Protein backbone atom coordinates (compact mmCIF):
# COMPACT_ATOMS: atom_id res chain seq x y z
CA MET A 1 101.79 186.97 267.31
CA PHE A 2 99.00 189.43 268.17
CA GLU A 3 98.83 193.13 267.52
CA PRO A 4 98.70 195.21 270.70
CA LEU A 5 95.35 196.75 271.50
CA PRO A 6 95.07 200.52 271.16
CA ASP A 7 94.91 202.55 274.36
CA ASN A 8 91.58 204.09 273.37
CA LEU A 9 89.81 200.79 272.59
CA SER A 10 86.06 200.98 273.10
CA TYR A 11 84.66 197.54 273.89
CA PRO A 12 81.04 198.59 273.18
CA ALA A 13 82.10 199.91 269.75
CA LEU A 14 84.08 196.72 269.10
CA GLU A 15 81.05 194.62 270.01
CA GLU A 16 78.87 196.63 267.61
CA GLU A 17 81.47 196.13 264.87
CA ILE A 18 81.52 192.36 265.44
CA LEU A 19 77.71 192.15 265.53
CA SER A 20 77.51 194.14 262.29
CA PHE A 21 79.99 191.72 260.68
CA TRP A 22 77.95 188.72 261.82
CA ASP A 23 74.74 190.30 260.49
CA ALA A 24 76.26 191.37 257.16
CA ASN A 25 77.75 187.92 256.55
CA ASN A 26 74.85 185.89 257.96
CA ILE A 27 77.32 184.01 260.17
CA PHE A 28 74.85 182.24 262.46
CA ALA A 29 72.62 180.94 259.65
CA THR A 30 75.71 179.84 257.73
CA SER A 31 76.95 177.86 260.74
CA LEU A 32 73.61 176.01 260.84
CA GLU A 33 73.65 175.37 257.07
CA GLN A 34 77.17 173.92 257.31
CA ARG A 35 75.88 171.38 259.82
CA ALA A 36 72.83 170.27 257.84
CA GLY A 37 72.58 166.50 258.14
CA ALA A 38 74.93 166.38 261.14
CA PRO A 39 73.85 164.69 264.37
CA THR A 40 71.70 167.00 266.45
CA PHE A 41 72.22 168.07 270.03
CA SER A 42 69.26 169.30 272.06
CA PHE A 43 69.49 171.14 275.35
CA TYR A 44 66.14 171.27 277.10
CA GLU A 45 65.72 173.97 279.69
CA GLY A 46 62.91 175.09 281.90
CA PRO A 47 61.21 178.45 281.73
CA PRO A 48 63.48 181.24 282.91
CA THR A 49 61.19 182.87 285.48
CA VAL A 50 57.79 181.20 285.49
CA ASN A 51 57.58 181.07 289.28
CA GLY A 52 59.18 184.28 290.41
CA LYS A 53 61.36 187.26 289.74
CA PRO A 54 64.59 186.86 287.74
CA GLY A 55 67.68 186.24 289.82
CA ILE A 56 71.40 185.76 289.37
CA HIS A 57 70.83 181.99 289.21
CA HIS A 58 68.92 182.53 285.95
CA LEU A 59 71.96 184.25 284.47
CA LEU A 60 74.18 181.38 285.58
CA ALA A 61 71.83 178.80 284.05
CA ARG A 62 71.74 180.66 280.70
CA THR A 63 75.53 180.94 280.71
CA ILE A 64 75.92 177.19 281.28
CA LYS A 65 73.44 176.49 278.47
CA ASP A 66 75.33 178.81 276.12
CA ILE A 67 78.67 177.16 276.92
CA ALA A 68 77.27 173.65 276.43
CA CYS A 69 75.61 174.57 273.11
CA ARG A 70 78.74 176.32 271.78
CA TYR A 71 80.90 173.35 272.77
CA LYS A 72 78.63 170.87 270.98
CA THR A 73 78.55 173.17 267.92
CA MET A 74 82.36 173.18 267.84
CA GLN A 75 82.23 169.38 267.94
CA GLY A 76 80.19 169.42 264.70
CA PHE A 77 76.68 168.90 266.05
CA LEU A 78 73.68 170.76 264.68
CA VAL A 79 72.47 172.76 267.69
CA ARG A 80 69.21 174.64 267.29
CA ARG A 81 68.99 177.43 269.85
CA GLN A 82 65.65 177.87 271.56
CA GLY A 83 65.22 179.64 274.85
CA GLY A 84 62.59 178.59 277.36
CA TRP A 85 59.48 176.56 276.69
CA ASP A 86 55.74 176.92 276.71
CA THR A 87 54.56 177.36 280.30
CA ARG A 88 50.80 177.56 279.82
CA LEU A 89 50.30 174.13 281.40
CA ALA A 90 53.32 174.12 283.68
CA VAL A 91 52.82 173.06 287.25
CA TYR A 92 52.59 176.13 289.40
CA GLU A 93 54.83 175.79 292.45
CA GLY A 94 52.89 178.23 294.55
CA PRO A 95 49.84 177.86 296.77
CA PRO A 96 46.68 176.22 295.36
CA THR A 97 45.06 179.62 295.02
CA VAL A 98 46.43 182.88 293.69
CA ASN A 99 44.54 186.09 294.48
CA GLY A 100 41.54 183.98 295.47
CA LYS A 101 41.49 182.08 292.16
CA PRO A 102 42.23 178.35 291.96
CA GLY A 103 45.65 177.35 290.56
CA ILE A 104 46.11 174.99 287.64
CA HIS A 105 47.67 172.16 289.65
CA HIS A 106 44.41 170.21 289.58
CA LEU A 107 44.39 170.17 285.75
CA LEU A 108 47.56 168.08 285.64
CA ALA A 109 46.69 165.59 288.39
């Protein structure tokens, strides 16, 4: 059913070959065009690291989002990918002051 993989297979080279194919054939844009007019699916996520350093839990969250969006795409939904969101007015989960300056928590109260 499947051809055996060569012993000297380079996964990084294979990935580059696949990415080149997707770029040359505009695969992602074509998948969106094919779903024009289809029901939409939106996956809202928080900012990846607004309140601290990146951690393994951020990777897990992005993986779950990717799986959910791919699944809904395979079901025929139009899924627009957009990572993160604008955090300029997000509630800061730290102390009321940062480096002696007042936080923004009072602006949203």
